[in-house]
Structure formats: C-alpha cells, structure tokens
C-alpha cells in the first residue's frame, strides 16, 4: 500500500526520541507509527489505536497514536503528518 501522507518530525519530537532510543521496543514502535500514519493518520480504518484529543489547539498534537507503551502525538496539515511528541506511557505523558 502506498503512502498518501508524508510523515515529518519536529525538533521537539527528535529530542523526545533521543531520550527514548534506549527503551526496549522504541525503534519498532516508531517504525510502526511512521508506516501507519503514512497511510491512515485519521484512524478511519480502525486498525490502529488512534484518538483525536479534545481541547488541544492546533500545533500541539491533536492526535494520539498508541503503540504498546509508547504514545506519539501528532498534527495533520493537508497531506503532511507532523510528529510533535513521543513519550513512554506514564502519568505525565499528556502534561506539557
């Protein structure tokens, strides 16, 4: 299946990812996230655990993609998916 969307990372996401690189399973989760978001970032097929977050302004990660213990927050602008944050699931995952 071809990617209808391009997936890009932000500087903040890169910082988050560097801190999680040593966590077991992060690389596989990241690869899965990029592949899935390139095809269906809105979660219309319901094959992935994607949720549109409420009361989150544009530019701050309006969508959440859950892959195991990892959470990827992202925004969609046209045909581009911007990965904003990646976190290990803990109590402070959704706090800024």
PDB file of N, CA and C in Angstrom:
ATOM      1  N   UNK A   1       0.843  -1.169   0.000  1.00  0.00           N
ATOM      2  CA  UNK A   1       0.000   0.000   0.000  1.00  0.00           C
ATOM      3  C   UNK A   1       0.893   1.239   0.000  1.00  0.00           C
ATOM      4  N   UNK A   2       0.558   2.215  -0.804  1.00  0.00           N
ATOM      5  CA  UNK A   2       1.382   3.409  -0.904  1.00  0.00           C
ATOM      6  C   UNK A   2       0.971   4.435   0.145  1.00  0.00           C
ATOM      7  N   UNK A   3       1.921   5.274   0.487  1.00  0.00           N
ATOM      8  CA  UNK A   3       1.665   6.312   1.485  1.00  0.00           C
ATOM      9  C   UNK A   3       0.988   7.502   0.824  1.00  0.00           C
ATOM     10  N   UNK A   4      -0.154   7.882   1.341  1.00  0.00           N
ATOM     11  CA  UNK A   4      -0.853   9.055   0.844  1.00  0.00           C
ATOM     12  C   UNK A   4      -0.399  10.304   1.589  1.00  0.00           C
ATOM     13  N   UNK A   5       0.202  10.103   2.766  1.00  0.00           N
ATOM     14  CA  UNK A   5       0.665  11.203   3.598  1.00  0.00           C
ATOM     15  C   UNK A   5       2.162  11.082   3.818  1.00  0.00           C
ATOM     16  N   UNK A   6       2.833  12.217   3.910  1.00  0.00           N
ATOM     17  CA  UNK A   6       4.242  12.181   4.289  1.00  0.00           C
ATOM     18  C   UNK A   6       4.324  12.459   5.787  1.00  0.00           C
ATOM     19  N   UNK A   7       5.261  11.808   6.453  1.00  0.00           N
ATOM     20  CA  UNK A   7       5.416  11.936   7.897  1.00  0.00           C
ATOM     21  C   UNK A   7       6.722  12.663   8.176  1.00  0.00           C
ATOM     22  N   UNK A   8       6.643  13.754   8.934  1.00  0.00           N
ATOM     23  CA  UNK A   8       7.821  14.546   9.286  1.00  0.00           C
ATOM     24  C   UNK A   8       7.892  14.692  10.798  1.00  0.00           C
ATOM     25  N   UNK A   9       9.094  14.884  11.278  1.00  0.00           N
ATOM     26  CA  UNK A   9       9.282  15.063  12.714  1.00  0.00           C
ATOM     27  C   UNK A   9       9.656  16.509  13.006  1.00  0.00           C
ATOM     28  N   UNK A  10       9.341  16.950  14.211  1.00  0.00           N
ATOM     29  CA  UNK A  10       9.717  18.286  14.660  1.00  0.00           C
ATOM     30  C   UNK A  10      10.961  18.175  15.537  1.00  0.00           C
ATOM     31  N   UNK A  11      11.575  19.304  15.841  1.00  0.00           N
ATOM     32  CA  UNK A  11      12.757  19.316  16.703  1.00  0.00           C
ATOM     33  C   UNK A  11      12.411  18.770  18.087  1.00  0.00           C
ATOM     34  N   UNK A  12      11.242  19.101  18.581  1.00  0.00           N
ATOM     35  CA  UNK A  12      10.810  18.604  19.891  1.00  0.00           C
ATOM     36  C   UNK A  12      10.676  17.080  19.875  1.00  0.00           C
ATOM     37  N   UNK A  13      10.113  16.554  18.800  1.00  0.00           N
ATOM     38  CA  UNK A  13       9.980  15.106  18.672  1.00  0.00           C
ATOM     39  C   UNK A  13      11.360  14.444  18.656  1.00  0.00           C
ATOM     40  N   UNK A  14      12.295  15.039  17.951  1.00  0.00           N
ATOM     41  CA  UNK A  14      13.656  14.488  17.885  1.00  0.00           C
ATOM     42  C   UNK A  14      14.292  14.426  19.277  1.00  0.00           C
ATOM     43  N   UNK A  15      14.085  15.468  20.086  1.00  0.00           N
ATOM     44  CA  UNK A  15      14.612  15.457  21.454  1.00  0.00           C
ATOM     45  C   UNK A  15      13.968  14.348  22.276  1.00  0.00           C
ATOM     46  N   UNK A  16      12.644  14.225  22.155  1.00  0.00           N
ATOM     47  CA  UNK A  16      11.936  13.158  22.867  1.00  0.00           C
ATOM     48  C   UNK A  16      12.443  11.789  22.436  1.00  0.00           C
ATOM     49  N   UNK A  17      12.619  11.603  21.138  1.00  0.00           N
ATOM     50  CA  UNK A  17      13.045  10.306  20.600  1.00  0.00           C
ATOM     51  C   UNK A  17      14.450   9.940  21.072  1.00  0.00           C
ATOM     52  N   UNK A  18      15.343  10.935  21.136  1.00  0.00           N
ATOM     53  CA  UNK A  18      16.700  10.650  21.614  1.00  0.00           C
ATOM     54  C   UNK A  18      16.689  10.133  23.046  1.00  0.00           C
ATOM     55  N   UNK A  19      15.784  10.656  23.852  1.00  0.00           N
ATOM     56  CA  UNK A  19      15.729  10.204  25.241  1.00  0.00           C
ATOM     57  C   UNK A  19      15.100   8.815  25.367  1.00  0.00           C
ATOM     58  N   UNK A  20      14.359   8.383  24.359  1.00  0.00           N
ATOM     59  CA  UNK A  20      13.697   7.074  24.407  1.00  0.00           C
ATOM     60  C   UNK A  20      14.400   5.987  23.596  1.00  0.00           C
ATOM     61  N   UNK A  21      15.452   6.343  22.873  1.00  0.00           N
ATOM     62  CA  UNK A  21      16.126   5.387  21.989  1.00  0.00           C
ATOM     63  C   UNK A  21      16.551   4.108  22.690  1.00  0.00           C
ATOM     64  N   UNK A  22      16.947   4.207  23.934  1.00  0.00           N
ATOM     65  CA  UNK A  22      17.445   3.029  24.658  1.00  0.00           C
ATOM     66  C   UNK A  22      16.328   2.166  25.243  1.00  0.00           C
ATOM     67  N   UNK A  23      15.100   2.652  25.198  1.00  0.00           N
ATOM     68  CA  UNK A  23      13.979   1.873  25.712  1.00  0.00           C
ATOM     69  C   UNK A  23      13.708   0.692  24.784  1.00  0.00           C
ATOM     70  N   UNK A  24      13.488  -0.447  25.372  1.00  0.00           N
ATOM     71  CA  UNK A  24      13.220  -1.643  24.586  1.00  0.00           C
ATOM     72  C   UNK A  24      11.935  -1.471  23.783  1.00  0.00           C
ATOM     73  N   UNK A  25      12.016  -1.731  22.492  1.00  0.00           N
ATOM     74  CA  UNK A  25      10.857  -1.673  21.619  1.00  0.00           C
ATOM     75  C   UNK A  25      10.579  -0.332  20.986  1.00  0.00           C
ATOM     76  N   UNK A  26      11.375   0.694  21.305  1.00  0.00           N
ATOM     77  CA  UNK A  26      11.080   2.019  20.754  1.00  0.00           C
ATOM     78  C   UNK A  26      11.240   2.058  19.241  1.00  0.00           C
ATOM     79  N   UNK A  27      12.315   1.490  18.725  1.00  0.00           N
ATOM     80  CA  UNK A  27      12.549   1.541  17.275  1.00  0.00           C
ATOM     81  C   UNK A  27      11.432   0.863  16.507  1.00  0.00           C
ATOM     82  N   UNK A  28      10.973  -0.287  16.986  1.00  0.00           N
ATOM     83  CA  UNK A  28       9.878  -0.995  16.328  1.00  0.00           C
ATOM     84  C   UNK A  28       8.586  -0.180  16.407  1.00  0.00           C
ATOM     85  N   UNK A  29       8.332   0.447  17.542  1.00  0.00           N
ATOM     86  CA  UNK A  29       7.130   1.266  17.709  1.00  0.00           C
ATOM     87  C   UNK A  29       7.179   2.482  16.782  1.00  0.00           C
ATOM     88  N   UNK A  30       8.338   3.111  16.679  1.00  0.00           N
ATOM     89  CA  UNK A  30       8.494   4.276  15.807  1.00  0.00           C
ATOM     90  C   UNK A  30       8.274   3.886  14.345  1.00  0.00           C
ATOM     91  N   UNK A  31       8.861   2.774  13.940  1.00  0.00           N
ATOM     92  CA  UNK A  31       8.691   2.307  12.560  1.00  0.00           C
ATOM     93  C   UNK A  31       7.226   2.008  12.271  1.00  0.00           C
ATOM     94  N   UNK A  32       6.570   1.354  13.198  1.00  0.00           N
ATOM     95  CA  UNK A  32       5.144   1.044  13.028  1.00  0.00           C
ATOM     96  C   UNK A  32       4.315   2.320  12.937  1.00  0.00           C
ATOM     97  N   UNK A  33       4.636   3.297  13.771  1.00  0.00           N
ATOM     98  CA  UNK A  33       3.895   4.558  13.765  1.00  0.00           C
ATOM     99  C   UNK A  33       4.049   5.288  12.436  1.00  0.00           C
ATOM    100  N   UNK A  34       5.264   5.396  11.944  1.00  0.00           N
ATOM    101  CA  UNK A  34       5.501   6.102  10.682  1.00  0.00           C
ATOM    102  C   UNK A  34       4.784   5.401   9.531  1.00  0.00           C
ATOM    103  N   UNK A  35       4.852   4.084   9.500  1.00  0.00           N
ATOM    104  CA  UNK A  35       4.194   3.324   8.445  1.00  0.00           C
ATOM    105  C   UNK A  35       2.680   3.520   8.489  1.00  0.00           C
ATOM    106  N   UNK A  36       2.090   3.385   9.659  1.00  0.00           N
ATOM    107  CA  UNK A  36       0.636   3.507   9.798  1.00  0.00           C
ATOM    108  C   UNK A  36       0.154   4.932   9.526  1.00  0.00           C
ATOM    109  N   UNK A  37       0.888   5.924  10.029  1.00  0.00           N
ATOM    110  CA  UNK A  37       0.462   7.310   9.852  1.00  0.00           C
ATOM    111  C   UNK A  37       0.610   7.769   8.409  1.00  0.00           C
ATOM    112  N   UNK A  38       1.507   7.163   7.662  1.00  0.00           N
ATOM    113  CA  UNK A  38       1.652   7.492   6.251  1.00  0.00           C
ATOM    114  C   UNK A  38       0.459   7.051   5.429  1.00  0.00           C
ATOM    115  N   UNK A  39      -0.278   6.075   5.925  1.00  0.00           N
ATOM    116  CA  UNK A  39      -1.419   5.533   5.196  1.00  0.00           C
ATOM    117  C   UNK A  39      -2.749   6.042   5.748  1.00  0.00           C
ATOM    118  N   UNK A  40      -2.902   6.046   7.075  1.00  0.00           N
ATOM    119  CA  UNK A  40      -4.198   6.366   7.689  1.00  0.00           C
ATOM    120  C   UNK A  40      -4.021   7.165   8.983  1.00  0.00           C
ATOM    121  N   UNK A  41      -3.644   8.451   8.890  1.00  0.00           N
ATOM    122  CA  UNK A  41      -3.407   9.217  10.121  1.00  0.00           C
ATOM    123  C   UNK A  41      -4.682   9.573  10.892  1.00  0.00           C
ATOM    124  N   UNK A  42      -5.837   9.532  10.251  1.00  0.00           N
ATOM    125  CA  UNK A  42      -7.082   9.848  10.938  1.00  0.00           C
ATOM    126  C   UNK A  42      -7.666   8.641  11.659  1.00  0.00           C
ATOM    127  N   UNK A  43      -7.158   7.453  11.386  1.00  0.00           N
ATOM    128  CA  UNK A  43      -7.647   6.247  12.034  1.00  0.00           C
ATOM    129  C   UNK A  43      -8.999   5.789  11.525  1.00  0.00           C
ATOM    130  N   UNK A  44      -9.296   6.091  10.287  1.00  0.00           N
ATOM    131  CA  UNK A  44     -10.609   5.732   9.735  1.00  0.00           C
ATOM    132  C   UNK A  44     -10.795   4.236   9.558  1.00  0.00           C
ATOM    133  N   UNK A  45      -9.706   3.494   9.352  1.00  0.00           N
ATOM    134  CA  UNK A  45      -9.836   2.044   9.168  1.00  0.00           C
ATOM    135  C   UNK A  45      -9.989   1.315  10.493  1.00  0.00           C
ATOM    136  N   UNK A  46      -9.706   2.007  11.593  1.00  0.00           N
ATOM    137  CA  UNK A  46      -9.773   1.446  12.952  1.00  0.00           C
ATOM    138  C   UNK A  46      -8.837   0.252  13.151  1.00  0.00           C
ATOM    139  N   UNK A  47      -7.796   0.173  12.353  1.00  0.00           N
ATOM    140  CA  UNK A  47      -6.796  -0.882  12.511  1.00  0.00           C
ATOM    141  C   UNK A  47      -5.763  -0.511  13.565  1.00  0.00           C
ATOM    142  N   UNK A  48      -5.672   0.776  13.884  1.00  0.00           N
ATOM    143  CA  UNK A  48      -4.666   1.260  14.825  1.00  0.00           C
ATOM    144  C   UNK A  48      -5.355   2.043  15.939  1.00  0.00           C
ATOM    145  N   UNK A  49      -4.668   2.159  17.050  1.00  0.00           N
ATOM    146  CA  UNK A  49      -5.222   2.862  18.201  1.00  0.00           C
ATOM    147  C   UNK A  49      -4.926   4.359  18.091  1.00  0.00           C
ATOM    148  N   UNK A  50      -5.760   5.043  17.313  1.00  0.00           N
ATOM    149  CA  UNK A  50      -5.610   6.475  17.074  1.00  0.00           C
ATOM    150  C   UNK A  50      -6.807   7.194  17.676  1.00  0.00           C
ATOM    151  N   UNK A  51      -6.534   8.302  18.360  1.00  0.00           N
ATOM    152  CA  UNK A  51      -7.585   9.067  19.008  1.00  0.00           C
ATOM    153  C   UNK A  51      -7.362  10.551  18.762  1.00  0.00           C
ATOM    154  N   UNK A  52      -8.422  11.261  18.395  1.00  0.00           N
ATOM    155  CA  UNK A  52      -8.336  12.717  18.293  1.00  0.00           C
ATOM    156  C   UNK A  52      -8.574  13.260  19.694  1.00  0.00           C
ATOM    157  N   UNK A  53      -7.613  14.015  20.200  1.00  0.00           N
ATOM    158  CA  UNK A  53      -7.701  14.549  21.556  1.00  0.00           C
ATOM    159  C   UNK A  53      -8.594  15.784  21.584  1.00  0.00           C
ATOM    160  N   UNK A  54      -9.336  15.916  22.649  1.00  0.00           N
ATOM    161  CA  UNK A  54     -10.243  17.048  22.801  1.00  0.00           C
ATOM    162  C   UNK A  54      -9.530  18.221  23.469  1.00  0.00           C
ATOM    163  N   UNK A  55      -9.955  19.422  23.114  1.00  0.00           N
ATOM    164  CA  UNK A  55      -9.445  20.660  23.716  1.00  0.00           C
ATOM    165  C   UNK A  55      -7.947  20.841  23.568  1.00  0.00           C
ATOM    166  N   UNK A  56      -7.387  20.350  22.484  1.00  0.00           N
ATOM    167  CA  UNK A  56      -5.967  20.547  22.206  1.00  0.00           C
ATOM    168  C   UNK A  56      -5.878  21.449  20.980  1.00  0.00           C
ATOM    169  N   UNK A  57      -5.244  22.607  21.112  1.00  0.00           N
ATOM    170  CA  UNK A  57      -5.159  23.520  19.973  1.00  0.00           C
ATOM    171  C   UNK A  57      -4.266  22.968  18.864  1.00  0.00           C
ATOM    172  N   UNK A  58      -4.519  23.420  17.663  1.00  0.00           N
ATOM    173  CA  UNK A  58      -3.720  23.012  16.516  1.00  0.00           C
ATOM    174  C   UNK A  58      -2.257  23.374  16.754  1.00  0.00           C
ATOM    175  N   UNK A  59      -1.378  22.462  16.396  1.00  0.00           N
ATOM    176  CA  UNK A  59       0.041  22.696  16.581  1.00  0.00           C
ATOM    177  C   UNK A  59       0.608  22.079  17.838  1.00  0.00           C
ATOM    178  N   UNK A  60      -0.247  21.494  18.671  1.00  0.00           N
ATOM    179  CA  UNK A  60       0.234  20.918  19.925  1.00  0.00           C
ATOM    180  C   UNK A  60      -0.030  19.424  20.035  1.00  0.00           C
ATOM    181  N   UNK A  61      -0.283  18.776  18.932  1.00  0.00           N
ATOM    182  CA  UNK A  61      -0.504  17.334  18.955  1.00  0.00           C
ATOM    183  C   UNK A  61      -1.957  16.979  19.160  1.00  0.00           C
ATOM    184  N   UNK A  62      -2.779  17.221  18.152  1.00  0.00           N
ATOM    185  CA  UNK A  62      -4.213  16.993  18.266  1.00  0.00           C
ATOM    186  C   UNK A  62      -4.600  15.515  18.217  1.00  0.00           C
ATOM    187  N   UNK A  63      -3.700  14.680  17.744  1.00  0.00           N
ATOM    188  CA  UNK A  63      -3.997  13.252  17.635  1.00  0.00           C
ATOM    189  C   UNK A  63      -2.991  12.458  18.451  1.00  0.00           C
ATOM    190  N   UNK A  64      -3.441  11.291  18.941  1.00  0.00           N
ATOM    191  CA  UNK A  64      -2.580  10.405  19.709  1.00  0.00           C
ATOM    192  C   UNK A  64      -2.601   9.027  19.060  1.00  0.00           C
ATOM    193  N   UNK A  65      -1.411   8.468  18.850  1.00  0.00           N
ATOM    194  CA  UNK A  65      -1.277   7.116  18.313  1.00  0.00           C
ATOM    195  C   UNK A  65      -0.573   6.283  19.375  1.00  0.00           C
ATOM    196  N   UNK A  66      -1.230   5.235  19.827  1.00  0.00           N
ATOM    197  CA  UNK A  66      -0.687   4.399  20.890  1.00  0.00           C
ATOM    198  C   UNK A  66      -0.112   3.124  20.283  1.00  0.00           C
ATOM    199  N   UNK A  67       1.175   2.882  20.581  1.00  0.00           N
ATOM    200  CA  UNK A  67       1.853   1.658  20.143  1.00  0.00           C
ATOM    201  C   UNK A  67       2.508   1.059  21.384  1.00  0.00           C
ATOM    202  N   UNK A  68       1.876   0.063  21.951  1.00  0.00           N
ATOM    203  CA  UNK A  68       2.417  -0.562  23.156  1.00  0.00           C
ATOM    204  C   UNK A  68       2.527   0.441  24.284  1.00  0.00           C
ATOM    205  N   UNK A  69       3.754   0.593  24.806  1.00  0.00           N
ATOM    206  CA  UNK A  69       3.992   1.521  25.920  1.00  0.00           C
ATOM    207  C   UNK A  69       4.249   2.950  25.466  1.00  0.00           C
ATOM    208  N   UNK A  70       4.319   3.170  24.166  1.00  0.00           N
ATOM    209  CA  UNK A  70       4.703   4.475  23.627  1.00  0.00           C
ATOM    210  C   UNK A  70       3.497   5.221  23.080  1.00  0.00           C
ATOM    211  N   UNK A  71       3.541   6.555  23.239  1.00  0.00           N
ATOM    212  CA  UNK A  71       2.493   7.420  22.731  1.00  0.00           C
ATOM    213  C   UNK A  71       3.126   8.430  21.790  1.00  0.00           C
ATOM    214  N   UNK A  72       2.554   8.564  20.619  1.00  0.00           N
ATOM    215  CA  UNK A  72       3.014   9.525  19.628  1.00  0.00           C
ATOM    216  C   UNK A  72       1.912  10.557  19.434  1.00  0.00           C
ATOM    217  N   UNK A  73       2.232  11.824  19.664  1.00  0.00           N
ATOM    218  CA  UNK A  73       1.286  12.917  19.481  1.00  0.00           C
ATOM    219  C   UNK A  73       1.646  13.630  18.187  1.00  0.00           C
ATOM    220  N   UNK A  74       0.638  13.913  17.376  1.00  0.00           N
ATOM    221  CA  UNK A  74       0.910  14.493  16.067  1.00  0.00           C
ATOM    222  C   UNK A  74      -0.235  15.379  15.605  1.00  0.00           C
ATOM    223  N   UNK A  75       0.069  16.195  14.589  1.00  0.00           N
ATOM    224  CA  UNK A  75      -0.901  17.047  13.917  1.00  0.00           C
ATOM    225  C   UNK A  75      -0.905  16.692  12.436  1.00  0.00           C
ATOM    226  N   UNK A  76      -1.997  17.012  11.784  1.00  0.00           N
ATOM    227  CA  UNK A  76      -2.122  16.764  10.345  1.00  0.00           C
ATOM    228  C   UNK A  76      -2.372  18.104   9.674  1.00  0.00           C
ATOM    229  N   UNK A  77      -1.573  18.406   8.659  1.00  0.00           N
ATOM    230  CA  UNK A  77      -1.725  19.633   7.890  1.00  0.00           C
ATOM    231  C   UNK A  77      -1.729  19.253   6.411  1.00  0.00           C
ATOM    232  N   UNK A  78      -2.904  19.181   5.831  1.00  0.00           N
ATOM    233  CA  UNK A  78      -3.025  18.764   4.434  1.00  0.00           C
ATOM    234  C   UNK A  78      -2.634  17.305   4.282  1.00  0.00           C
ATOM    235  N   UNK A  79      -1.594  17.045   3.516  1.00  0.00           N
ATOM    236  CA  UNK A  79      -1.115  15.685   3.283  1.00  0.00           C
ATOM    237  C   UNK A  79       0.154  15.392   4.085  1.00  0.00           C
ATOM    238  N   UNK A  80       0.427  16.210   5.096  1.00  0.00           N
ATOM    239  CA  UNK A  80       1.641  16.050   5.899  1.00  0.00           C
ATOM    240  C   UNK A  80       1.262  15.790   7.360  1.00  0.00           C
ATOM    241  N   UNK A  81       1.872  14.763   7.936  1.00  0.00           N
ATOM    242  CA  UNK A  81       1.698  14.440   9.349  1.00  0.00           C
ATOM    243  C   UNK A  81       2.949  14.915  10.079  1.00  0.00           C
ATOM    244  N   UNK A  82       2.784  15.774  11.076  1.00  0.00           N
ATOM    245  CA  UNK A  82       3.905  16.284  11.861  1.00  0.00           C
ATOM    246  C   UNK A  82       3.908  15.603  13.221  1.00  0.00           C
ATOM    247  N   UNK A  83       4.904  14.775  13.467  1.00  0.00           N
ATOM    248  CA  UNK A  83       5.068  14.147  14.775  1.00  0.00           C
ATOM    249  C   UNK A  83       5.579  15.201  15.739  1.00  0.00           C
ATOM    250  N   UNK A  84       4.834  15.467  16.800  1.00  0.00           N
ATOM    251  CA  UNK A  84       5.170  16.531  17.752  1.00  0.00           C
ATOM    252  C   UNK A  84       5.873  16.016  19.002  1.00  0.00           C
ATOM    253  N   UNK A  85       5.373  14.928  19.580  1.00  0.00           N
ATOM    254  CA  UNK A  85       5.927  14.389  20.821  1.00  0.00           C
ATOM    255  C   UNK A  85       5.897  12.874  20.774  1.00  0.00           C
ATOM    256  N   UNK A  86       6.814  12.260  21.476  1.00  0.00           N
ATOM    257  CA  UNK A  86       6.735  10.817  21.731  1.00  0.00           C
ATOM    258  C   UNK A  86       7.108  10.620  23.187  1.00  0.00           C
ATOM    259  N   UNK A  87       6.322   9.813  23.852  1.00  0.00           N
ATOM    260  CA  UNK A  87       6.517   9.623  25.278  1.00  0.00           C
ATOM    261  C   UNK A  87       6.317   8.161  25.644  1.00  0.00           C
ATOM    262  N   UNK A  88       6.940   7.779  26.721  1.00  0.00           N
ATOM    263  CA  UNK A  88       6.705   6.484  27.327  1.00  0.00           C
ATOM    264  C   UNK A  88       5.500   6.667  28.235  1.00  0.00           C
ATOM    265  N   UNK A  89       4.566   5.749  28.178  1.00  0.00           N
ATOM    266  CA  UNK A  89       3.321   5.930  28.935  1.00  0.00           C
ATOM    267  C   UNK A  89       3.576   5.932  30.430  1.00  0.00           C
ATOM    268  N   UNK A  90       3.357   7.077  31.006  1.00  0.00           N
ATOM    269  CA  UNK A  90       3.436   7.287  32.445  1.00  0.00           C
ATOM    270  C   UNK A  90       2.351   8.276  32.804  1.00  0.00           C
ATOM    271  N   UNK A  91       2.280   8.641  34.029  1.00  0.00           N
ATOM    272  CA  UNK A  91       1.239   9.559  34.469  1.00  0.00           C
ATOM    273  C   UNK A  91       1.365  10.951  33.846  1.00  0.00           C
ATOM    274  N   UNK A  92       2.588  11.379  33.495  1.00  0.00           N
ATOM    275  CA  UNK A  92       2.775  12.722  32.967  1.00  0.00           C
ATOM    276  C   UNK A  92       2.844  12.774  31.451  1.00  0.00           C
ATOM    277  N   UNK A  93       2.401  11.739  30.769  1.00  0.00           N
ATOM    278  CA  UNK A  93       2.506  11.678  29.313  1.00  0.00           C
ATOM    279  C   UNK A  93       1.807  12.836  28.628  1.00  0.00           C
ATOM    280  N   UNK A  94       0.623  13.218  29.081  1.00  0.00           N
ATOM    281  CA  UNK A  94      -0.153  14.232  28.390  1.00  0.00           C
ATOM    282  C   UNK A  94      -0.035  15.623  29.007  1.00  0.00           C
ATOM    283  N   UNK A  95       0.834  15.798  29.956  1.00  0.00           N
ATOM    284  CA  UNK A  95       1.074  17.122  30.537  1.00  0.00           C
ATOM    285  C   UNK A  95       2.139  17.833  29.756  1.00  0.00           C
ATOM    286  N   UNK A  96       2.044  19.131  29.689  1.00  0.00           N
ATOM    287  CA  UNK A  96       3.045  19.919  28.972  1.00  0.00           C
ATOM    288  C   UNK A  96       3.672  20.904  29.911  1.00  0.00           C
TER     289      UNK A  96
END
